[in-house]
C-alpha atoms as a PDB file:
ATOM      1  CA  MET A   1       0.000   0.000   0.000  1.00  0.00           C
ATOM      2  CA  LEU A   2       1.393   3.374  -1.014  1.00  0.00           C
ATOM      3  CA  PHE A   3       0.268   6.570   0.635  1.00  0.00           C
ATOM      4  CA  THR A   4       0.497  10.199  -0.391  1.00  0.00           C
ATOM      5  CA  VAL A   5       0.492  13.120   2.003  1.00  0.00           C
ATOM      6  CA  ASP A   6      -1.130  16.380   0.929  1.00  0.00           C
ATOM      7  CA  ALA A   7       2.124  18.377   0.993  1.00  0.00           C
ATOM      8  CA  PRO A   8       0.618  21.889   1.322  1.00  0.00           C
ATOM      9  CA  LEU A   9      -1.632  20.719   4.148  1.00  0.00           C
ATOM     10  CA  TRP A  10       1.282  18.968   5.871  1.00  0.00           C
ATOM     11  CA  GLU A  11       3.432  22.098   5.581  1.00  0.00           C
ATOM     12  CA  ALA A  12       0.612  24.222   7.009  1.00  0.00           C
ATOM     13  CA  MET A  13       0.350  22.024  10.112  1.00  0.00           C
ATOM     14  CA  GLY A  14       2.132  23.040  13.239  1.00  0.00           C
ATOM     15  CA  GLU A  15       4.880  20.868  14.666  1.00  0.00           C
ATOM     16  CA  ALA A  16       2.589  19.515  17.398  1.00  0.00           C
ATOM     17  CA  GLU A  17      -0.087  18.490  14.893  1.00  0.00           C
ATOM     18  CA  ARG A  18       2.528  16.793  12.700  1.00  0.00           C
ATOM     19  CA  GLY A  19       3.707  14.910  15.767  1.00  0.00           C
ATOM     20  CA  VAL A  20       0.148  13.696  16.372  1.00  0.00           C
ATOM     21  CA  GLN A  21      -0.076  12.435  12.780  1.00  0.00           C
ATOM     22  CA  ILE A  22       3.317  10.707  12.961  1.00  0.00           C
ATOM     23  CA  LYS A  23       2.254   8.988  16.187  1.00  0.00           C
ATOM     24  CA  ALA A  24      -1.026   7.914  14.553  1.00  0.00           C
ATOM     25  CA  HIS A  25       0.975   6.222  11.776  1.00  0.00           C
ATOM     26  CA  ALA A  26       3.277   4.525  14.287  1.00  0.00           C
ATOM     27  CA  ASP A  27       0.289   3.319  16.321  1.00  0.00           C
ATOM     28  CA  TRP A  28      -1.436   2.020  13.190  1.00  0.00           C
ATOM     29  CA  ALA A  29       1.731   0.170  12.139  1.00  0.00           C
ATOM     30  CA  ALA A  30       1.995  -1.337  15.645  1.00  0.00           C
ATOM     31  CA  ARG A  31      -1.608  -2.526  15.404  1.00  0.00           C
ATOM     32  CA  LEU A  32      -0.975  -4.148  12.005  1.00  0.00           C
ATOM     33  CA  LYS A  33       2.140  -5.795  13.443  1.00  0.00           C
ATOM     34  CA  ALA A  34       0.212  -7.091  16.477  1.00  0.00           C
ATOM     35  CA  GLU A  35      -2.377  -8.568  14.080  1.00  0.00           C
ATOM     36  CA  GLY A  36       0.435 -10.379  12.253  1.00  0.00           C
ATOM     37  CA  ARG A  37      -0.199  -8.413   9.036  1.00  0.00           C
ATOM     38  CA  LEU A  38       2.663  -5.943   8.807  1.00  0.00           C
ATOM     39  CA  ILE A  39       5.715  -6.960   6.811  1.00  0.00           C
ATOM     40  CA  GLN A  40       7.399  -3.558   6.493  1.00  0.00           C
ATOM     41  CA  ALA A  41       6.573   0.161   6.555  1.00  0.00           C
ATOM     42  CA  ASP A  42       8.593   3.275   5.885  1.00  0.00           C
ATOM     43  CA  GLY A  43       8.614   6.707   4.333  1.00  0.00           C
ATOM     44  CA  LEU A  44       9.914   7.350   0.833  1.00  0.00           C
ATOM     45  CA  ASP A  45      12.481  10.041   0.165  1.00  0.00           C
ATOM     46  CA  SER A  46      11.460  12.675  -2.380  1.00  0.00           C
ATOM     47  CA  ASP A  47      14.883  12.533  -4.071  1.00  0.00           C
ATOM     48  CA  ALA A  48      14.897   9.820  -6.767  1.00  0.00           C
ATOM     49  CA  ARG A  49      16.615   8.652  -9.940  1.00  0.00           C
ATOM     50  CA  LEU A  50      14.459   7.965 -12.982  1.00  0.00           C
ATOM     51  CA  ILE A  51      16.129   5.625 -15.478  1.00  0.00           C
ATOM     52  CA  GLY A  52      15.003   5.120 -19.073  1.00  0.00           C
ATOM     53  CA  PRO A  53      16.173   5.352 -22.675  1.00  0.00           C
ATOM     54  CA  PHE A  54      17.299   8.903 -21.881  1.00  0.00           C
ATOM     55  CA  GLY A  55      19.706   7.627 -19.223  1.00  0.00           C
ATOM     56  CA  ALA A  56      19.381   8.457 -15.538  1.00  0.00           C
ATOM     57  CA  ARG A  57      17.815  11.680 -14.293  1.00  0.00           C
ATOM     58  CA  THR A  58      17.466  13.118 -10.836  1.00  0.00           C
ATOM     59  CA  VAL A  59      13.837  13.707  -9.901  1.00  0.00           C
ATOM     60  CA  ASP A  60      12.535  15.757  -6.990  1.00  0.00           C
ATOM     61  CA  TYR A  61       9.151  14.315  -6.064  1.00  0.00           C
ATOM     62  CA  SER A  62       8.638  16.911  -3.325  1.00  0.00           C
ATOM     63  CA  ILE A  63       7.084  19.180  -5.953  1.00  0.00           C
ATOM     64  CA  ASP A  64       4.638  16.467  -7.143  1.00  0.00           C
ATOM     65  CA  SER A  65       1.647  16.349  -4.810  1.00  0.00           C
ATOM     66  CA  ARG A  66       0.634  12.962  -6.269  1.00  0.00           C
ATOM     67  CA  ALA A  67       3.924  11.207  -5.551  1.00  0.00           C
ATOM     68  CA  ALA A  68       3.932   8.448  -2.942  1.00  0.00           C
ATOM     69  CA  THR A  69       5.488   9.538   0.333  1.00  0.00           C
ATOM     70  CA  GLY A  70       5.488   6.211   2.145  1.00  0.00           C
ATOM     71  CA  PHE A  71       4.404   2.599   2.124  1.00  0.00           C
ATOM     72  CA  PHE A  72       2.995  -0.172   4.274  1.00  0.00           C
ATOM     73  CA  LEU A  73       3.580  -3.733   3.087  1.00  0.00           C
ATOM     74  CA  PHE A  74       1.030  -5.992   4.745  1.00  0.00           C
ATOM     75  CA  GLU A  75      -0.732  -9.291   4.231  1.00  0.00           C
ATOM     76  CA  ALA A  76      -4.399  -9.588   3.317  1.00  0.00           C
ATOM     77  CA  ALA A  77      -6.496 -12.534   2.174  1.00  0.00           C
ATOM     78  CA  ASP A  78      -8.060 -10.704  -0.777  1.00  0.00           C
ATOM     79  CA  TRP A  79      -8.789  -7.284  -2.299  1.00  0.00           C
ATOM     80  CA  ASP A  80     -11.689  -6.562   0.031  1.00  0.00           C
ATOM     81  CA  GLU A  81      -9.549  -7.180   3.079  1.00  0.00           C
ATOM     82  CA  ALA A  82      -6.656  -5.149   1.640  1.00  0.00           C
ATOM     83  CA  VAL A  83      -8.963  -2.209   0.923  1.00  0.00           C
ATOM     84  CA  SER A  84     -10.454  -2.486   4.398  1.00  0.00           C
ATOM     85  CA  VAL A  85      -6.975  -2.330   5.939  1.00  0.00           C
ATOM     86  CA  GLY A  86      -6.038   0.610   3.688  1.00  0.00           C
ATOM     87  CA  GLU A  87      -9.146   2.508   4.741  1.00  0.00           C
ATOM     88  CA  GLY A  88      -7.719   2.572   8.266  1.00  0.00           C
ATOM     89  CA  CYS A  89      -4.581   4.458   7.242  1.00  0.00           C
ATOM     90  CA  PRO A  90      -4.271   7.666   9.284  1.00  0.00           C
ATOM     91  CA  VAL A  91      -3.181   9.683   6.235  1.00  0.00           C
ATOM     92  CA  LEU A  92      -6.819   9.729   5.103  1.00  0.00           C
ATOM     93  CA  ALA A  93      -7.765  11.814   8.153  1.00  0.00           C
ATOM     94  CA  TYR A  94      -5.766  14.781   6.876  1.00  0.00           C
ATOM     95  CA  GLY A  95      -6.328  14.790   3.143  1.00  0.00           C
ATOM     96  CA  GLY A  96      -3.880  12.131   2.000  1.00  0.00           C
ATOM     97  CA  LEU A  97      -4.469   9.308  -0.447  1.00  0.00           C
ATOM     98  CA  VAL A  98      -3.987   5.550  -0.209  1.00  0.00           C
ATOM     99  CA  GLU A  99      -3.212   3.271  -3.152  1.00  0.00           C
ATOM    100  CA  VAL A 100      -3.525  -0.471  -2.569  1.00  0.00           C
ATOM    101  CA  ARG A 101      -1.556  -2.752  -4.890  1.00  0.00           C
ATOM    102  CA  ARG A 102      -0.811  -6.447  -4.900  1.00  0.00           C
ATOM    103  CA  VAL A 103       2.863  -7.410  -4.724  1.00  0.00           C
ATOM    104  CA  GLY A 104       3.802 -10.259  -7.051  1.00  0.00           C
ATOM    105  CA  HIS A 105       1.464 -12.106  -9.337  1.00  0.00           C
END
């Protein structure tokens, strides 16, 4: 599951409110871990390298409000369960987006 933070909204938050949101993510990850679902979770850096026929380019995703800012890798029995888990992501409470994808085939 990838998540995207609404960057302007995040920047407008005070430090205390950001701390509350960070704790909400940590608590949610701990709950998923306690349920035996969580495999890994982390933030994604906005600095990236895009590689293609043009070679390698440096990309700054901090200016793209649609770019993923973090991920949670968790287990779910099916799509419905995965979506249900994703709907609990704290990022949704402050304007972020969640994208659920299957890993592997």
